[in-house]
């Protein structure tokens, strides 16, 4: 776990960019993102149509960006290193091949958790899926017993946990800890737009609208992934509703287990 001293007044939290450059550009153009003390990335940065370009843009922001890896960053590294024969999501394999060797090496250095002090929130732990696993599933309606399970072992001084992975924004209390999911910048479920969050002194879920038809046209023009037109239409237009996703993923949080 990485931890930095001091307290930040305002952080912009971006999660699940998934290689969608137009969505990332729209969020970075937000005045409040530009004014934030730091930009925190909670993983799944690269697995998508423009992984190299997204990495280049984020790295150009310098030390303003604090990085975490998600499962969709770990998997391309493992694939490129020959540690796994395939990636379940086909665009993940495409993204892995589109990265340079140096970019793969950079992704391999990223931590999985980060703890920061934020004004008004105290100690905040950032992760991708849960503090203990980068692809474990928790949802806004996960039962209290599930939250107790995934939060076991956290330092009692951590009052807020920020996670991503499920691509749906929410804020809820779980065993006296505030849990924040900023949603997805590049692959939102439920409603279109680039979703992110401002932290400090409270929690402010945001969505940045951008020209989605133009973004789809750009991805089709610039990305060689087979089926990119269908991929972009489905994910950028948020064809999957939150109700459908919760119904499909509910069993993955362990509900119904005996």
Protein backbone atom coordinates (compact mmCIF):
# COMPACT_ATOMS: atom_id res chain seq x y z
CA UNK A 1 0.00 0.00 0.00
CA UNK A 2 1.31 3.42 -0.95
CA UNK A 3 0.70 6.32 1.43
CA UNK A 4 1.57 10.02 1.17
CA UNK A 5 1.78 12.55 4.02
CA UNK A 6 -0.11 15.82 4.20
CA UNK A 7 -3.68 16.63 3.30
CA UNK A 8 -5.18 17.63 -0.04
CA UNK A 9 -7.98 20.15 -0.37
CA UNK A 10 -9.46 18.78 -3.58
CA UNK A 11 -8.86 15.65 -5.64
CA UNK A 12 -10.32 14.70 -9.00
CA UNK A 13 -10.91 10.94 -9.15
CA UNK A 14 -11.07 9.23 -12.53
CA UNK A 15 -11.79 5.53 -12.89
CA UNK A 16 -12.26 3.02 -15.70
CA UNK A 17 -11.10 5.18 -18.59
CA UNK A 18 -10.66 2.02 -20.67
CA UNK A 19 -8.64 3.62 -23.39
CA UNK A 20 -11.36 6.04 -24.54
CA UNK A 21 -9.34 9.13 -25.39
CA UNK A 22 -12.20 11.54 -26.29
CA UNK A 23 -13.88 10.92 -22.92
CA UNK A 24 -10.62 11.47 -21.05
CA UNK A 25 -9.91 14.69 -22.96
CA UNK A 26 -13.35 16.00 -22.02
CA UNK A 27 -12.77 15.37 -18.31
CA UNK A 28 -9.27 16.83 -18.30
CA UNK A 29 -10.72 19.99 -19.88
CA UNK A 30 -13.04 20.51 -16.90
CA UNK A 31 -11.91 23.61 -14.94
CA UNK A 32 -12.34 21.84 -11.61
CA UNK A 33 -10.17 18.96 -12.75
CA UNK A 34 -7.50 21.42 -13.86
CA UNK A 35 -7.75 23.20 -10.49
CA UNK A 36 -7.61 20.05 -8.36
CA UNK A 37 -4.53 19.38 -6.27
CA UNK A 38 -4.10 15.97 -7.87
CA UNK A 39 -5.84 13.57 -10.25
CA UNK A 40 -6.23 10.08 -8.79
CA UNK A 41 -6.74 7.18 -11.19
CA UNK A 42 -8.42 4.14 -9.68
CA UNK A 43 -7.47 1.70 -12.41
CA UNK A 44 -8.63 0.15 -15.68
CA UNK A 45 -6.86 2.88 -17.59
CA UNK A 46 -5.81 1.08 -20.74
CA UNK A 47 -8.00 -1.85 -21.84
CA UNK A 48 -9.89 -0.21 -24.67
CA UNK A 49 -9.51 1.27 -28.14
CA UNK A 50 -6.74 3.87 -27.57
CA UNK A 51 -4.57 2.62 -24.69
CA UNK A 52 -1.25 4.10 -25.78
CA UNK A 53 -2.76 7.52 -26.48
CA UNK A 54 -4.54 7.58 -23.11
CA UNK A 55 -1.33 6.70 -21.28
CA UNK A 56 0.60 9.38 -23.16
CA UNK A 57 -1.95 12.06 -22.31
CA UNK A 58 -2.08 11.14 -18.64
CA UNK A 59 1.70 10.90 -18.28
CA UNK A 60 1.99 14.34 -19.86
CA UNK A 61 0.19 15.71 -16.78
CA UNK A 62 3.32 14.92 -14.76
CA UNK A 63 3.19 14.45 -11.02
CA UNK A 64 -0.37 15.81 -10.82
CA UNK A 65 -1.51 12.26 -11.57
CA UNK A 66 -1.48 9.55 -8.91
CA UNK A 67 -1.80 6.12 -10.44
CA UNK A 68 -3.41 2.83 -9.44
CA UNK A 69 -3.70 -0.32 -11.55
CA UNK A 70 -6.92 -2.23 -12.08
CA UNK A 71 -7.47 -5.74 -13.33
CA UNK A 72 -7.72 -4.41 -16.90
CA UNK A 73 -4.22 -2.95 -16.54
CA UNK A 74 -2.74 -6.03 -14.88
CA UNK A 75 -4.14 -8.39 -17.51
CA UNK A 76 -2.45 -6.69 -20.52
CA UNK A 77 0.87 -6.77 -18.64
CA UNK A 78 0.46 -10.47 -17.91
CA UNK A 79 -0.54 -11.15 -21.52
CA UNK A 80 2.45 -9.31 -22.95
CA UNK A 81 4.79 -11.12 -20.58
CA UNK A 82 3.41 -14.50 -21.59
CA UNK A 83 1.93 -15.12 -18.14
CA UNK A 84 -1.57 -15.71 -19.50
CA UNK A 85 -2.66 -17.07 -22.91
CA UNK A 86 -5.62 -14.71 -23.37
CA UNK A 87 -7.69 -11.93 -21.86
CA UNK A 88 -11.42 -12.65 -21.40
CA UNK A 89 -12.45 -9.33 -22.96
CA UNK A 90 -11.18 -9.38 -26.58
CA UNK A 91 -10.43 -5.66 -26.61
CA UNK A 92 -8.05 -6.29 -23.72
CA UNK A 93 -5.83 -8.38 -25.99
CA UNK A 94 -6.00 -5.69 -28.66
CA UNK A 95 -4.99 -3.07 -26.10
CA UNK A 96 -2.12 -5.20 -24.83
CA UNK A 97 -0.66 -5.45 -28.33
CA UNK A 98 -1.13 -1.71 -28.92
CA UNK A 99 1.07 -0.74 -25.95
CA UNK A 100 4.80 -0.20 -26.30
CA UNK A 101 7.24 -2.26 -24.26
CA UNK A 102 7.98 0.83 -22.17
CA UNK A 103 4.30 1.42 -21.48
CA UNK A 104 3.86 -2.20 -20.41
CA UNK A 105 6.81 -1.82 -18.05
CA UNK A 106 5.27 1.38 -16.66
CA UNK A 107 1.91 -0.29 -16.01
CA UNK A 108 3.70 -3.12 -14.20
CA UNK A 109 5.02 -0.65 -11.61
CA UNK A 110 1.63 0.72 -10.57
CA UNK A 111 0.38 0.04 -7.03
CA UNK A 112 -3.03 -1.44 -6.28
CA UNK A 113 -3.97 0.78 -3.32
CA UNK A 114 -3.18 4.30 -2.19
CA UNK A 115 -4.01 6.15 1.03
CA UNK A 116 -4.22 9.95 1.12
CA UNK A 117 -5.42 12.55 3.58
CA UNK A 118 -8.20 14.72 2.20
CA UNK A 119 -9.60 17.81 3.90
CA UNK A 120 -13.00 17.04 5.37
CA UNK A 121 -12.67 13.29 4.83
CA UNK A 122 -9.54 12.34 6.75
CA UNK A 123 -7.70 9.25 5.58
CA UNK A 124 -9.06 7.95 2.28
CA UNK A 125 -8.12 4.61 0.77
CA UNK A 126 -8.23 4.33 -3.02
CA UNK A 127 -8.42 0.97 -4.80
CA UNK A 128 -9.85 -0.47 -8.00
CA UNK A 129 -12.46 -3.08 -7.01
CA UNK A 130 -11.98 -3.67 -3.27
CA UNK A 131 -9.04 -2.99 -0.96
CA UNK A 132 -8.00 -6.64 -1.12
CA UNK A 133 -8.67 -7.63 -4.76
CA UNK A 134 -8.64 -5.87 -8.14
CA UNK A 135 -11.66 -7.68 -9.62
CA UNK A 136 -13.84 -8.53 -6.62
CA UNK A 137 -17.43 -7.36 -7.01
CA UNK A 138 -19.29 -5.04 -4.65
CA UNK A 139 -22.30 -3.03 -5.72
CA UNK A 140 -24.38 -0.19 -4.34
CA UNK A 141 -26.95 -2.73 -3.12
CA UNK A 142 -24.48 -5.30 -1.76
CA UNK A 143 -25.62 -6.57 1.62
CA UNK A 144 -23.93 -5.46 4.87
CA UNK A 145 -22.32 -8.87 5.37
CA UNK A 146 -20.57 -8.55 2.01
CA UNK A 147 -19.20 -5.12 2.87
CA UNK A 148 -17.96 -6.40 6.22
CA UNK A 149 -16.15 -9.16 4.36
CA UNK A 150 -14.37 -7.00 1.80
CA UNK A 151 -13.47 -4.26 4.30
CA UNK A 152 -12.01 -6.66 6.86
CA UNK A 153 -8.57 -5.67 8.03
CA UNK A 154 -8.65 -2.02 7.07
CA UNK A 155 -6.98 0.42 9.42
CA UNK A 156 -9.74 1.82 11.67
CA UNK A 157 -8.50 5.32 10.86
CA UNK A 158 -9.65 5.01 7.24
CA UNK A 159 -13.10 6.56 7.06
CA UNK A 160 -13.58 6.63 3.29
CA UNK A 161 -12.93 4.03 0.59
CA UNK A 162 -12.93 5.04 -3.08
CA UNK A 163 -13.25 2.25 -5.63
CA UNK A 164 -14.19 1.72 -9.28
CA UNK A 165 -14.57 -1.44 -11.37
CA UNK A 166 -18.37 -1.58 -11.70
CA UNK A 167 -18.74 1.50 -13.97
CA UNK A 168 -21.72 2.85 -11.98
CA UNK A 169 -21.39 5.88 -9.67
CA UNK A 170 -22.64 5.83 -6.09
CA UNK A 171 -21.97 7.01 -2.56
CA UNK A 172 -23.09 4.91 0.42
CA UNK A 173 -22.25 4.11 4.01
CA UNK A 174 -20.97 0.64 4.83
CA UNK A 175 -20.17 -0.14 8.45
CA UNK A 176 -19.60 3.54 9.24
CA UNK A 177 -17.23 4.00 6.31
CA UNK A 178 -18.15 6.13 3.34
CA UNK A 179 -17.78 4.20 0.07
CA UNK A 180 -17.49 6.23 -3.14
CA UNK A 181 -17.51 4.96 -6.71
CA UNK A 182 -16.97 7.70 -9.32
CA UNK A 183 -18.32 5.60 -12.18
CA UNK A 184 -16.54 5.18 -15.50
CA UNK A 185 -14.95 7.82 -17.69
CA UNK A 186 -14.92 5.71 -20.84
CA UNK A 187 -17.41 2.83 -20.45
CA UNK A 188 -20.36 4.05 -18.36
CA UNK A 189 -23.35 1.91 -17.49
CA UNK A 190 -26.75 3.48 -16.91
CA UNK A 191 -26.32 6.84 -18.62
CA UNK A 192 -23.84 8.27 -21.13
CA UNK A 193 -21.14 10.82 -20.43
CA UNK A 194 -17.75 10.71 -18.77
CA UNK A 195 -18.28 10.05 -15.06
CA UNK A 196 -15.81 11.12 -12.35
CA UNK A 197 -15.75 12.55 -8.83
CA UNK A 198 -14.43 15.51 -6.83
CA UNK A 199 -13.29 14.74 -3.29
CA UNK A 200 -12.74 17.30 -0.54
CA UNK A 201 -14.22 18.50 1.68
CA UNK A 202 -17.18 16.33 0.61
CA UNK A 203 -17.97 13.96 -2.23
CA UNK A 204 -19.30 15.32 -5.51
CA UNK A 205 -20.19 12.87 -8.28
CA UNK A 206 -19.84 14.48 -11.68
CA UNK A 207 -20.62 13.62 -15.29
CA UNK A 208 -19.05 15.48 -18.21
CA UNK A 209 -21.09 15.50 -21.41
CA UNK A 210 -19.17 15.35 -24.67
CA UNK A 211 -19.92 14.87 -28.36
CA UNK A 212 -20.50 11.14 -28.44
CA UNK A 213 -21.31 10.82 -32.17
CA UNK A 214 -18.08 12.65 -32.97
CA UNK A 215 -16.18 10.46 -30.51
CA UNK A 216 -17.56 7.29 -32.11
CA UNK A 217 -16.56 8.57 -35.55
CA UNK A 218 -13.07 9.31 -34.24
CA UNK A 219 -12.66 5.88 -32.68
CA UNK A 220 -13.81 4.16 -35.86
CA UNK A 221 -11.31 6.23 -37.85
CA UNK A 222 -8.34 5.83 -35.53
CA UNK A 223 -8.73 2.38 -33.96
CA UNK A 224 -8.06 -0.88 -35.81
CA UNK A 225 -9.94 -3.10 -33.37
CA UNK A 226 -12.38 -5.35 -35.29
CA UNK A 227 -15.92 -4.34 -34.45
CA UNK A 228 -14.89 -0.94 -33.07
CA UNK A 229 -18.06 0.71 -34.43
CA UNK A 230 -20.31 -1.65 -32.48
CA UNK A 231 -18.07 -1.47 -29.40
CA UNK A 232 -18.07 2.33 -29.38
CA UNK A 233 -21.81 2.60 -29.98
CA UNK A 234 -22.61 0.21 -27.15
CA UNK A 235 -20.28 1.60 -24.51
CA UNK A 236 -20.12 5.32 -25.28
CA UNK A 237 -23.90 5.50 -25.57
CA UNK A 238 -24.28 3.45 -22.36
CA UNK A 239 -26.62 0.95 -23.97
CA UNK A 240 -26.45 -1.25 -20.84
CA UNK A 241 -28.80 0.11 -18.18
CA UNK A 242 -27.92 0.17 -14.51
CA UNK A 243 -30.86 -2.16 -13.80
CA UNK A 244 -29.58 -4.72 -16.30
CA UNK A 245 -26.04 -4.56 -14.96
CA UNK A 246 -27.10 -4.89 -11.33
CA UNK A 247 -29.22 -7.90 -12.22
CA UNK A 248 -26.36 -9.53 -14.12
CA UNK A 249 -23.64 -8.77 -11.58
CA UNK A 250 -25.61 -9.20 -8.37
CA UNK A 251 -24.69 -12.90 -8.05
CA UNK A 252 -21.00 -12.01 -8.42
CA UNK A 253 -20.99 -10.25 -5.04
CA UNK A 254 -21.81 -13.54 -3.35
CA UNK A 255 -25.50 -13.00 -2.69
CA UNK A 256 -27.38 -16.23 -2.61
CA UNK A 257 -24.37 -18.19 -1.36
CA UNK A 258 -25.25 -20.61 1.41
